[in-house]
PDB file of N, CA and C in Angstrom:
ATOM      1  N   MET A   1       0.827  -1.186   0.000  1.00  0.00           N
ATOM      2  CA  MET A   1       0.000   0.000   0.000  1.00  0.00           C
ATOM      3  C   MET A   1       0.868   1.245   0.000  1.00  0.00           C
ATOM      4  N   ASN A   2       1.933   1.171   0.718  1.00  0.00           N
ATOM      5  CA  ASN A   2       2.834   2.307   0.826  1.00  0.00           C
ATOM      6  C   ASN A   2       3.537   2.580  -0.509  1.00  0.00           C
ATOM      7  N   ILE A   3       3.881   1.555  -1.249  1.00  0.00           N
ATOM      8  CA  ILE A   3       4.586   1.702  -2.524  1.00  0.00           C
ATOM      9  C   ILE A   3       3.673   2.346  -3.566  1.00  0.00           C
ATOM     10  N   SER A   4       2.424   1.967  -3.601  1.00  0.00           N
ATOM     11  CA  SER A   4       1.509   2.541  -4.588  1.00  0.00           C
ATOM     12  C   SER A   4       1.260   4.020  -4.309  1.00  0.00           C
ATOM     13  N   TYR A   5       1.290   4.422  -3.060  1.00  0.00           N
ATOM     14  CA  TYR A   5       1.107   5.828  -2.709  1.00  0.00           C
ATOM     15  C   TYR A   5       2.283   6.656  -3.231  1.00  0.00           C
ATOM     16  N   LEU A   6       3.518   6.161  -3.085  1.00  0.00           N
ATOM     17  CA  LEU A   6       4.695   6.879  -3.583  1.00  0.00           C
ATOM     18  C   LEU A   6       4.667   6.975  -5.102  1.00  0.00           C
ATOM     19  N   THR A   7       4.273   5.937  -5.760  1.00  0.00           N
ATOM     20  CA  THR A   7       4.205   5.948  -7.221  1.00  0.00           C
ATOM     21  C   THR A   7       3.167   6.951  -7.700  1.00  0.00           C
ATOM     22  N   LEU A   8       2.033   7.014  -7.026  1.00  0.00           N
ATOM     23  CA  LEU A   8       0.992   7.970  -7.378  1.00  0.00           C
ATOM     24  C   LEU A   8       1.464   9.390  -7.140  1.00  0.00           C
ATOM     25  N   ALA A   9       2.163   9.645  -6.065  1.00  0.00           N
ATOM     26  CA  ALA A   9       2.669  10.981  -5.760  1.00  0.00           C
ATOM     27  C   ALA A   9       3.720  11.405  -6.777  1.00  0.00           C
ATOM     28  N   GLN A  10       4.583  10.498  -7.190  1.00  0.00           N
ATOM     29  CA  GLN A  10       5.605  10.825  -8.170  1.00  0.00           C
ATOM     30  C   GLN A  10       4.986  11.092  -9.544  1.00  0.00           C
ATOM     31  N   SER A  11       3.983  10.358  -9.907  1.00  0.00           N
ATOM     32  CA  SER A  11       3.374  10.537 -11.227  1.00  0.00           C
ATOM     33  C   SER A  11       2.631  11.859 -11.320  1.00  0.00           C
ATOM     34  N   THR A  12       2.014  12.318 -10.231  1.00  0.00           N
ATOM     35  CA  THR A  12       1.298  13.595 -10.277  1.00  0.00           C
ATOM     36  C   THR A  12       2.269  14.765 -10.351  1.00  0.00           C
ATOM     37  N   THR A  13       3.387  14.694  -9.659  1.00  0.00           N
ATOM     38  CA  THR A  13       4.357  15.800  -9.743  1.00  0.00           C
ATOM     39  C   THR A  13       5.044  15.805 -11.097  1.00  0.00           C
ATOM     40  N   THR A  14       5.314  14.676 -11.674  1.00  0.00           N
ATOM     41  CA  THR A  14       5.931  14.603 -12.991  1.00  0.00           C
ATOM     42  C   THR A  14       4.957  15.088 -14.061  1.00  0.00           C
ATOM     43  N   GLY A  15       3.700  14.751 -13.939  1.00  0.00           N
ATOM     44  CA  GLY A  15       2.690  15.163 -14.912  1.00  0.00           C
ATOM     45  C   GLY A  15       2.514  16.669 -14.940  1.00  0.00           C
ATOM     46  N   GLY A  16       2.559  17.309 -13.811  1.00  0.00           N
ATOM     47  CA  GLY A  16       2.413  18.761 -13.760  1.00  0.00           C
ATOM     48  C   GLY A  16       3.576  19.475 -14.408  1.00  0.00           C
ATOM     49  N   SER A  17       4.774  18.979 -14.179  1.00  0.00           N
ATOM     50  CA  SER A  17       5.941  19.637 -14.772  1.00  0.00           C
ATOM     51  C   SER A  17       6.024  19.365 -16.269  1.00  0.00           C
ATOM     52  N   SER A  18       5.530  18.226 -16.716  1.00  0.00           N
ATOM     53  CA  SER A  18       5.585  17.937 -18.155  1.00  0.00           C
ATOM     54  C   SER A  18       4.637  18.843 -18.933  1.00  0.00           C
ATOM     55  N   ILE A  19       3.545  19.234 -18.348  1.00  0.00           N
ATOM     56  CA  ILE A  19       2.620  20.164 -19.005  1.00  0.00           C
ATOM     57  C   ILE A  19       3.291  21.525 -19.168  1.00  0.00           C
ATOM     58  N   ILE A  20       3.993  21.971 -18.152  1.00  0.00           N
ATOM     59  CA  ILE A  20       4.692  23.251 -18.231  1.00  0.00           C
ATOM     60  C   ILE A  20       5.782  23.202 -19.295  1.00  0.00           C
ATOM     61  N   VAL A  21       6.497  22.106 -19.344  1.00  0.00           N
ATOM     62  CA  VAL A  21       7.549  21.950 -20.357  1.00  0.00           C
ATOM     63  C   VAL A  21       6.934  21.927 -21.753  1.00  0.00           C
ATOM     64  N   MET A  22       5.820  21.235 -21.911  1.00  0.00           N
ATOM     65  CA  MET A  22       5.162  21.156 -23.213  1.00  0.00           C
ATOM     66  C   MET A  22       4.686  22.539 -23.666  1.00  0.00           C
ATOM     67  N   VAL A  23       4.084  23.309 -22.770  1.00  0.00           N
ATOM     68  CA  VAL A  23       3.636  24.660 -23.100  1.00  0.00           C
ATOM     69  C   VAL A  23       4.839  25.532 -23.464  1.00  0.00           C
ATOM     70  N   GLY A  24       5.940  25.350 -22.763  1.00  0.00           N
ATOM     71  CA  GLY A  24       7.162  26.099 -23.070  1.00  0.00           C
ATOM     72  C   GLY A  24       7.682  25.783 -24.465  1.00  0.00           C
ATOM     73  N   TRP A  25       7.683  24.502 -24.840  1.00  0.00           N
ATOM     74  CA  TRP A  25       8.144  24.116 -26.177  1.00  0.00           C
ATOM     75  C   TRP A  25       7.234  24.661 -27.268  1.00  0.00           C
ATOM     76  N   VAL A  26       5.949  24.649 -27.025  1.00  0.00           N
ATOM     77  CA  VAL A  26       5.002  25.189 -28.006  1.00  0.00           C
ATOM     78  C   VAL A  26       5.240  26.686 -28.175  1.00  0.00           C
ATOM     79  N   ALA A  27       5.470  27.385 -27.070  1.00  0.00           N
ATOM     80  CA  ALA A  27       5.744  28.824 -27.146  1.00  0.00           C
ATOM     81  C   ALA A  27       7.043  29.090 -27.908  1.00  0.00           C
ATOM     82  N   ILE A  28       8.060  28.295 -27.665  1.00  0.00           N
ATOM     83  CA  ILE A  28       9.336  28.456 -28.376  1.00  0.00           C
ATOM     84  C   ILE A  28       9.139  28.192 -29.866  1.00  0.00           C
ATOM     85  N   MET A  29       8.347  27.201 -30.213  1.00  0.00           N
ATOM     86  CA  MET A  29       8.100  26.891 -31.623  1.00  0.00           C
ATOM     87  C   MET A  29       7.337  28.016 -32.313  1.00  0.00           C
ATOM     88  N   LEU A  30       6.365  28.618 -31.628  1.00  0.00           N
ATOM     89  CA  LEU A  30       5.612  29.729 -32.209  1.00  0.00           C
ATOM     90  C   LEU A  30       6.502  30.944 -32.437  1.00  0.00           C
ATOM     91  N   VAL A  31       7.369  31.245 -31.483  1.00  0.00           N
ATOM     92  CA  VAL A  31       8.292  32.360 -31.631  1.00  0.00           C
ATOM     93  C   VAL A  31       9.262  32.095 -32.785  1.00  0.00           C
ATOM     94  N   ALA A  32       9.752  30.875 -32.891  1.00  0.00           N
ATOM     95  CA  ALA A  32      10.659  30.514 -33.985  1.00  0.00           C
ATOM     96  C   ALA A  32       9.952  30.626 -35.338  1.00  0.00           C
ATOM     97  N   MET A  33       8.712  30.185 -35.419  1.00  0.00           N
ATOM     98  CA  MET A  33       7.951  30.304 -36.667  1.00  0.00           C
ATOM     99  C   MET A  33       7.774  31.757 -37.055  1.00  0.00           C
ATOM    100  N   TYR A  34       7.533  32.624 -36.078  1.00  0.00           N
ATOM    101  CA  TYR A  34       7.371  34.048 -36.365  1.00  0.00           C
ATOM    102  C   TYR A  34       8.649  34.607 -36.974  1.00  0.00           C
ATOM    103  N   PHE A  35       9.791  34.326 -36.350  1.00  0.00           N
ATOM    104  CA  PHE A  35      11.045  34.897 -36.826  1.00  0.00           C
ATOM    105  C   PHE A  35      11.553  34.235 -38.107  1.00  0.00           C
ATOM    106  N   LEU A  36      11.181  32.998 -38.378  1.00  0.00           N
ATOM    107  CA  LEU A  36      11.658  32.321 -39.575  1.00  0.00           C
ATOM    108  C   LEU A  36      10.721  32.434 -40.768  1.00  0.00           C
ATOM    109  N   MET A  37       9.421  32.672 -40.531  1.00  0.00           N
ATOM    110  CA  MET A  37       8.466  32.673 -41.638  1.00  0.00           C
ATOM    111  C   MET A  37       7.713  33.990 -41.780  1.00  0.00           C
ATOM    112  N   ILE A  38       7.087  34.453 -40.745  1.00  0.00           N
ATOM    113  CA  ILE A  38       6.184  35.593 -40.850  1.00  0.00           C
ATOM    114  C   ILE A  38       6.952  36.910 -40.997  1.00  0.00           C
ATOM    115  N   ARG A  39       7.954  37.116 -40.191  1.00  0.00           N
ATOM    116  CA  ARG A  39       8.708  38.373 -40.223  1.00  0.00           C
ATOM    117  C   ARG A  39       9.415  38.604 -41.557  1.00  0.00           C
ATOM    118  N   PRO A  40      10.127  37.621 -42.129  1.00  0.00           N
ATOM    119  CA  PRO A  40      10.750  37.851 -43.437  1.00  0.00           C
ATOM    120  C   PRO A  40       9.732  38.122 -44.548  1.00  0.00           C
ATOM    121  N   GLN A  41       8.571  37.465 -44.484  1.00  0.00           N
ATOM    122  CA  GLN A  41       7.538  37.696 -45.496  1.00  0.00           C
ATOM    123  C   GLN A  41       7.017  39.123 -45.414  1.00  0.00           C
ATOM    124  N   ARG A  42       6.792  39.631 -44.212  1.00  0.00           N
ATOM    125  CA  ARG A  42       6.329  41.018 -44.053  1.00  0.00           C
ATOM    126  C   ARG A  42       7.380  42.001 -44.546  1.00  0.00           C
ATOM    127  N   LYS A  43       8.644  41.713 -44.276  1.00  0.00           N
ATOM    128  CA  LYS A  43       9.725  42.586 -44.731  1.00  0.00           C
ATOM    129  C   LYS A  43       9.772  42.629 -46.250  1.00  0.00           C
ATOM    130  N   LYS A  44       9.608  41.475 -46.892  1.00  0.00           N
ATOM    131  CA  LYS A  44       9.612  41.399 -48.354  1.00  0.00           C
ATOM    132  C   LYS A  44       8.425  42.165 -48.927  1.00  0.00           C
ATOM    133  N   GLN A  45       7.253  42.031 -48.334  1.00  0.00           N
ATOM    134  CA  GLN A  45       6.075  42.748 -48.802  1.00  0.00           C
ATOM    135  C   GLN A  45       6.263  44.251 -48.676  1.00  0.00           C
ATOM    136  N   LYS A  46       6.892  44.692 -47.599  1.00  0.00           N
ATOM    137  CA  LYS A  46       7.141  46.117 -47.387  1.00  0.00           C
ATOM    138  C   LYS A  46       8.096  46.654 -48.455  1.00  0.00           C
ATOM    139  N   GLU A  47       9.139  45.897 -48.790  1.00  0.00           N
ATOM    140  CA  GLU A  47      10.092  46.318 -49.818  1.00  0.00           C
ATOM    141  C   GLU A  47       9.429  46.378 -51.191  1.00  0.00           C
ATOM    142  N   GLU A  48       8.564  45.402 -51.510  1.00  0.00           N
ATOM    143  CA  GLU A  48       7.852  45.409 -52.785  1.00  0.00           C
ATOM    144  C   GLU A  48       6.916  46.600 -52.883  1.00  0.00           C
ATOM    145  N   LYS A  49       6.223  46.911 -51.809  1.00  0.00           N
ATOM    146  CA  LYS A  49       5.315  48.059 -51.798  1.00  0.00           C
ATOM    147  C   LYS A  49       6.094  49.351 -52.018  1.00  0.00           C
ATOM    148  N   GLN A  50       7.231  49.476 -51.364  1.00  0.00           N
ATOM    149  CA  GLN A  50       8.056  50.671 -51.515  1.00  0.00           C
ATOM    150  C   GLN A  50       8.575  50.784 -52.952  1.00  0.00           C
ATOM    151  N   MET A  51       8.975  49.663 -53.576  1.00  0.00           N
ATOM    152  CA  MET A  51       9.444  49.677 -54.953  1.00  0.00           C
ATOM    153  C   MET A  51       8.339  50.156 -55.891  1.00  0.00           C
ATOM    154  N   ARG A  52       7.123  49.680 -55.687  1.00  0.00           N
ATOM    155  CA  ARG A  52       6.009  50.073 -56.544  1.00  0.00           C
ATOM    156  C   ARG A  52       5.632  51.537 -56.340  1.00  0.00           C
ATOM    157  N   GLU A  53       5.768  52.045 -55.130  1.00  0.00           N
ATOM    158  CA  GLU A  53       5.455  53.450 -54.865  1.00  0.00           C
ATOM    159  C   GLU A  53       6.520  54.387 -55.434  1.00  0.00           C
ATOM    160  N   ASN A  54       7.777  53.948 -55.498  1.00  0.00           N
ATOM    161  CA  ASN A  54       8.868  54.784 -55.989  1.00  0.00           C
ATOM    162  C   ASN A  54       9.069  54.672 -57.495  1.00  0.00           C
ATOM    163  N   LEU A  55       8.165  54.015 -58.191  1.00  0.00           N
ATOM    164  CA  LEU A  55       8.261  53.840 -59.635  1.00  0.00           C
ATOM    165  C   LEU A  55       8.106  55.191 -60.326  1.00  0.00           C
ATOM    166  N   GLN A  56       8.905  55.424 -61.368  1.00  0.00           N
ATOM    167  CA  GLN A  56       8.867  56.683 -62.105  1.00  0.00           C
ATOM    168  C   GLN A  56       8.707  56.408 -63.591  1.00  0.00           C
ATOM    169  N   VAL A  57       8.213  57.416 -64.313  1.00  0.00           N
ATOM    170  CA  VAL A  57       8.089  57.306 -65.760  1.00  0.00           C
ATOM    171  C   VAL A  57       9.493  57.195 -66.344  1.00  0.00           C
ATOM    172  N   GLY A  58       9.677  56.260 -67.267  1.00  0.00           N
ATOM    173  CA  GLY A  58      10.965  56.041 -67.899  1.00  0.00           C
ATOM    174  C   GLY A  58      11.754  54.888 -67.307  1.00  0.00           C
ATOM    175  N   ASP A  59      11.285  54.304 -66.213  1.00  0.00           N
ATOM    176  CA  ASP A  59      11.978  53.174 -65.587  1.00  0.00           C
ATOM    177  C   ASP A  59      11.825  51.911 -66.428  1.00  0.00           C
ATOM    178  N   GLU A  60      12.876  51.125 -66.487  1.00  0.00           N
ATOM    179  CA  GLU A  60      12.838  49.811 -67.124  1.00  0.00           C
ATOM    180  C   GLU A  60      12.319  48.825 -66.077  1.00  0.00           C
ATOM    181  N   VAL A  61      11.293  48.028 -66.444  1.00  0.00           N
ATOM    182  CA  VAL A  61      10.650  47.136 -65.482  1.00  0.00           C
ATOM    183  C   VAL A  61      10.499  45.739 -66.054  1.00  0.00           C
ATOM    184  N   LEU A  62      10.245  44.807 -65.165  1.00  0.00           N
ATOM    185  CA  LEU A  62       9.926  43.429 -65.506  1.00  0.00           C
ATOM    186  C   LEU A  62       8.639  43.076 -64.773  1.00  0.00           C
ATOM    187  N   THR A  63       7.646  42.564 -65.515  1.00  0.00           N
ATOM    188  CA  THR A  63       6.381  42.182 -64.887  1.00  0.00           C
ATOM    189  C   THR A  63       6.451  40.728 -64.443  1.00  0.00           C
ATOM    190  N   ILE A  64       5.471  40.313 -63.650  1.00  0.00           N
ATOM    191  CA  ILE A  64       5.454  38.919 -63.187  1.00  0.00           C
ATOM    192  C   ILE A  64       5.165  37.960 -64.328  1.00  0.00           C
ATOM    193  N   GLY A  65       4.666  38.477 -65.437  1.00  0.00           N
ATOM    194  CA  GLY A  65       4.423  37.646 -66.613  1.00  0.00           C
ATOM    195  C   GLY A  65       5.643  37.507 -67.502  1.00  0.00           C
ATOM    196  N   GLY A  66       6.744  38.172 -67.134  1.00  0.00           N
ATOM    197  CA  GLY A  66       7.979  38.061 -67.899  1.00  0.00           C
ATOM    198  C   GLY A  66       8.115  39.085 -69.011  1.00  0.00           C
ATOM    199  N   ILE A  67       7.339  40.145 -68.978  1.00  0.00           N
ATOM    200  CA  ILE A  67       7.398  41.177 -70.011  1.00  0.00           C
ATOM    201  C   ILE A  67       8.355  42.279 -69.563  1.00  0.00           C
ATOM    202  N   TYR A  68       9.362  42.543 -70.382  1.00  0.00           N
ATOM    203  CA  TYR A  68      10.277  43.654 -70.139  1.00  0.00           C
ATOM    204  C   TYR A  68       9.727  44.873 -70.844  1.00  0.00           C
ATOM    205  N   GLY A  69       9.830  46.028 -70.212  1.00  0.00           N
ATOM    206  CA  GLY A  69       9.341  47.241 -70.837  1.00  0.00           C
ATOM    207  C   GLY A  69       9.787  48.489 -70.113  1.00  0.00           C
ATOM    208  N   ARG A  70       9.339  49.628 -70.646  1.00  0.00           N
ATOM    209  CA  ARG A  70       9.654  50.929 -70.065  1.00  0.00           C
ATOM    210  C   ARG A  70       8.337  51.586 -69.678  1.00  0.00           C
ATOM    211  N   VAL A  71       8.289  52.206 -68.513  1.00  0.00           N
ATOM    212  CA  VAL A  71       7.073  52.834 -68.013  1.00  0.00           C
ATOM    213  C   VAL A  71       6.797  54.102 -68.818  1.00  0.00           C
ATOM    214  N   ILE A  72       5.592  54.182 -69.388  1.00  0.00           N
ATOM    215  CA  ILE A  72       5.182  55.343 -70.169  1.00  0.00           C
ATOM    216  C   ILE A  72       4.340  56.288 -69.313  1.00  0.00           C
ATOM    217  N   SER A  73       3.394  55.732 -68.547  1.00  0.00           N
ATOM    218  CA  SER A  73       2.559  56.563 -67.674  1.00  0.00           C
ATOM    219  C   SER A  73       2.171  55.755 -66.430  1.00  0.00           C
ATOM    220  N   LEU A  74       1.884  56.483 -65.384  1.00  0.00           N
ATOM    221  CA  LEU A  74       1.519  55.876 -64.103  1.00  0.00           C
ATOM    222  C   LEU A  74       0.162  56.383 -63.646  1.00  0.00           C
ATOM    223  N   LYS A  75      -0.631  55.484 -63.129  1.00  0.00           N
ATOM    224  CA  LYS A  75      -1.898  55.829 -62.493  1.00  0.00           C
ATOM    225  C   LYS A  75      -1.863  55.239 -61.095  1.00  0.00           C
ATOM    226  N   GLU A  76      -2.933  55.439 -60.356  1.00  0.00           N
ATOM    227  CA  GLU A  76      -2.964  54.974 -58.966  1.00  0.00           C
ATOM    228  C   GLU A  76      -2.833  53.459 -58.859  1.00  0.00           C
ATOM    229  N   GLU A  77      -3.590  52.710 -59.657  1.00  0.00           N
ATOM    230  CA  GLU A  77      -3.601  51.250 -59.569  1.00  0.00           C
ATOM    231  C   GLU A  77      -3.030  50.556 -60.794  1.00  0.00           C
ATOM    232  N   SER A  78      -2.669  51.310 -61.825  1.00  0.00           N
ATOM    233  CA  SER A  78      -2.164  50.693 -63.044  1.00  0.00           C
ATOM    234  C   SER A  78      -1.037  51.530 -63.636  1.00  0.00           C
ATOM    235  N   MET A  79      -0.414  50.980 -64.677  1.00  0.00           N
ATOM    236  CA  MET A  79       0.637  51.705 -65.390  1.00  0.00           C
ATOM    237  C   MET A  79       0.631  51.226 -66.835  1.00  0.00           C
ATOM    238  N   VAL A  80       1.139  52.074 -67.714  1.00  0.00           N
ATOM    239  CA  VAL A  80       1.265  51.720 -69.121  1.00  0.00           C
ATOM    240  C   VAL A  80       2.749  51.531 -69.387  1.00  0.00           C
ATOM    241  N   ILE A  81       3.085  50.362 -69.954  1.00  0.00           N
ATOM    242  CA  ILE A  81       4.479  50.100 -70.298  1.00  0.00           C
ATOM    243  C   ILE A  81       4.589  49.883 -71.804  1.00  0.00           C
ATOM    244  N   GLU A  82       5.757  50.190 -72.321  1.00  0.00           N
ATOM    245  CA  GLU A  82       6.043  49.990 -73.735  1.00  0.00           C
ATOM    246  C   GLU A  82       7.045  48.850 -73.834  1.00  0.00           C
ATOM    247  N   SER A  83       6.716  47.825 -74.617  1.00  0.00           N
ATOM    248  CA  SER A  83       7.613  46.675 -74.735  1.00  0.00           C
ATOM    249  C   SER A  83       8.855  47.073 -75.521  1.00  0.00           C
ATOM    250  N   LYS A  84       9.934  46.361 -75.280  1.00  0.00           N
ATOM    251  CA  LYS A  84      11.202  46.699 -75.914  1.00  0.00           C
ATOM    252  C   LYS A  84      11.247  46.306 -77.383  1.00  0.00           C
ATOM    253  N   SER A  85      10.686  45.153 -77.699  1.00  0.00           N
ATOM    254  CA  SER A  85      10.881  44.611 -79.048  1.00  0.00           C
ATOM    255  C   SER A  85      10.078  45.345 -80.122  1.00  0.00           C
ATOM    256  N   ASP A  86       8.776  45.439 -79.963  1.00  0.00           N
ATOM    257  CA  ASP A  86       7.952  46.031 -81.027  1.00  0.00           C
ATOM    258  C   ASP A  86       7.290  47.345 -80.607  1.00  0.00           C
ATOM    259  N   HIS A  87       7.666  47.882 -79.478  1.00  0.00           N
ATOM    260  CA  HIS A  87       7.160  49.159 -78.969  1.00  0.00           C
ATOM    261  C   HIS A  87       5.640  49.203 -78.826  1.00  0.00           C
ATOM    262  N   SER A  88       5.044  48.067 -78.517  1.00  0.00           N
ATOM    263  CA  SER A  88       3.610  48.042 -78.256  1.00  0.00           C
ATOM    264  C   SER A  88       3.372  48.462 -76.809  1.00  0.00           C
ATOM    265  N   LYS A  89       2.234  49.092 -76.582  1.00  0.00           N
ATOM    266  CA  LYS A  89       1.895  49.594 -75.248  1.00  0.00           C
ATOM    267  C   LYS A  89       0.926  48.635 -74.566  1.00  0.00           C
ATOM    268  N   LEU A  90       1.216  48.371 -73.289  1.00  0.00           N
ATOM    269  CA  LEU A  90       0.386  47.477 -72.489  1.00  0.00           C
ATOM    270  C   LEU A  90       0.006  48.171 -71.194  1.00  0.00           C
ATOM    271  N   THR A  91      -1.244  48.010 -70.792  1.00  0.00           N
ATOM    272  CA  THR A  91      -1.682  48.504 -69.489  1.00  0.00           C
ATOM    273  C   THR A  91      -1.672  47.332 -68.523  1.00  0.00           C
ATOM    274  N   VAL A  92      -0.915  47.463 -67.444  1.00  0.00           N
ATOM    275  CA  VAL A  92      -0.814  46.399 -66.447  1.00  0.00           C
ATOM    276  C   VAL A  92      -1.070  46.984 -65.059  1.00  0.00           C
ATOM    277  N   ALA A  93      -1.498  46.130 -64.166  1.00  0.00           N
ATOM    278  CA  ALA A  93      -1.719  46.555 -62.780  1.00  0.00           C
ATOM    279  C   ALA A  93      -0.377  46.752 -62.088  1.00  0.00           C
ATOM    280  N   ARG A  94      -0.334  47.650 -61.139  1.00  0.00           N
ATOM    281  CA  ARG A  94       0.916  47.908 -60.422  1.00  0.00           C
ATOM    282  C   ARG A  94       1.367  46.694 -59.621  1.00  0.00           C
ATOM    283  N   TRP A  95       0.423  45.901 -59.118  1.00  0.00           N
ATOM    284  CA  TRP A  95       0.810  44.729 -58.328  1.00  0.00           C
ATOM    285  C   TRP A  95       1.496  43.690 -59.190  1.00  0.00           C
ATOM    286  N   ALA A  96       1.365  43.804 -60.543  1.00  0.00           N
ATOM    287  CA  ALA A  96       1.986  42.840 -61.448  1.00  0.00           C
ATOM    288  C   ALA A  96       3.451  43.167 -61.719  1.00  0.00           C
ATOM    289  N   LEU A  97       3.968  44.204 -61.113  1.00  0.00           N
ATOM    290  CA  LEU A  97       5.368  44.569 -61.287  1.00  0.00           C
ATOM    291  C   LEU A  97       6.235  43.666 -60.415  1.00  0.00           C
ATOM    292  N   GLN A  98       7.195  42.997 -61.017  1.00  0.00           N
ATOM    293  CA  GLN A  98       8.078  42.115 -60.264  1.00  0.00           C
ATOM    294  C   GLN A  98       9.363  42.818 -59.867  1.00  0.00           C
ATOM    295  N   GLN A  99       9.944  43.591 -60.801  1.00  0.00           N
ATOM    296  CA  GLN A  99      11.254  44.161 -60.528  1.00  0.00           C
ATOM    297  C   GLN A  99      11.412  45.463 -61.289  1.00  0.00           C
ATOM    298  N   ASN A 100      12.008  46.449 -60.641  1.00  0.00           N
ATOM    299  CA  ASN A 100      12.389  47.692 -61.291  1.00  0.00           C
ATOM    300  C   ASN A 100      13.862  47.559 -61.650  1.00  0.00           C
ATOM    301  N   LEU A 101      14.154  47.558 -62.937  1.00  0.00           N
ATOM    302  CA  LEU A 101      15.521  47.331 -63.403  1.00  0.00           C
ATOM    303  C   LEU A 101      16.354  48.606 -63.432  1.00  0.00           C
ATOM    304  N   THR A 102      15.743  49.770 -63.265  1.00  0.00           N
ATOM    305  CA  THR A 102      16.442  51.041 -63.272  1.00  0.00           C
ATOM    306  C   THR A 102      16.965  51.337 -61.873  1.00  0.00           C
ATOM    307  N   VAL A 103      18.237  51.680 -61.772  1.00  0.00           N
ATOM    308  CA  VAL A 103      18.832  52.037 -60.494  1.00  0.00           C
ATOM    309  C   VAL A 103      18.849  53.556 -60.384  1.00  0.00           C
ATOM    310  N   HIS A 104      18.196  54.074 -59.349  1.00  0.00           N
ATOM    311  CA  HIS A 104      18.156  55.508 -59.115  1.00  0.00           C
ATOM    312  C   HIS A 104      19.262  55.901 -58.141  1.00  0.00           C
ATOM    313  N   ASP A 105      19.660  57.162 -58.189  1.00  0.00           N
ATOM    314  CA  ASP A 105      20.739  57.647 -57.332  1.00  0.00           C
ATOM    315  C   ASP A 105      20.388  57.552 -55.851  1.00  0.00           C
ATOM    316  N   ASP A 106      19.166  57.906 -55.475  1.00  0.00           N
ATOM    317  CA  ASP A 106      18.767  57.867 -54.064  1.00  0.00           C
ATOM    318  C   ASP A 106      18.702  56.443 -53.519  1.00  0.00           C
ATOM    319  N   VAL A 107      18.386  55.455 -54.350  1.00  0.00           N
ATOM    320  CA  VAL A 107      18.361  54.049 -53.922  1.00  0.00           C
ATOM    321  C   VAL A 107      19.784  53.518 -53.813  1.00  0.00           C
ATOM    322  N   ALA A 108      20.661  53.920 -54.716  1.00  0.00           N
ATOM    323  CA  ALA A 108      22.043  53.431 -54.703  1.00  0.00           C
ATOM    324  C   ALA A 108      22.793  53.932 -53.463  1.00  0.00           C
ATOM    325  N   LYS A 109      22.446  55.096 -52.946  1.00  0.00           N
ATOM    326  CA  LYS A 109      23.109  55.644 -51.748  1.00  0.00           C
ATOM    327  C   LYS A 109      22.783  54.834 -50.507  1.00  0.00           C
ATOM    328  N   LYS A 110      21.597  54.235 -50.470  1.00  0.00           N
ATOM    329  CA  LYS A 110      21.192  53.448 -49.297  1.00  0.00           C
ATOM    330  C   LYS A 110      21.940  52.173 -49.321  1.00  0.00           C
TER     331      LYS A 110
END
């Protein structure tokens, strides 16, 4: 009878500490996921937004569809680009801009 009481007492104290350890590991995993996945994605989105806002007429750009061109005009949500090969004009959404190929002086200083 005495042995079963000690075993029961040990199992209850071990069970309580294992829950705390488990909660600690879950918290560590959530923090690690934030720093490895969510934070870099937000940083990338912020840089893309800034690139699209700093776009100027005459910049050489690449769209997500693989079209190279030069910006002819800018509107709030769209832009008109002229393709390099046949000088045709295309209206594309600003979110479809993948890369600004023109290096500006103010960006190069940073």
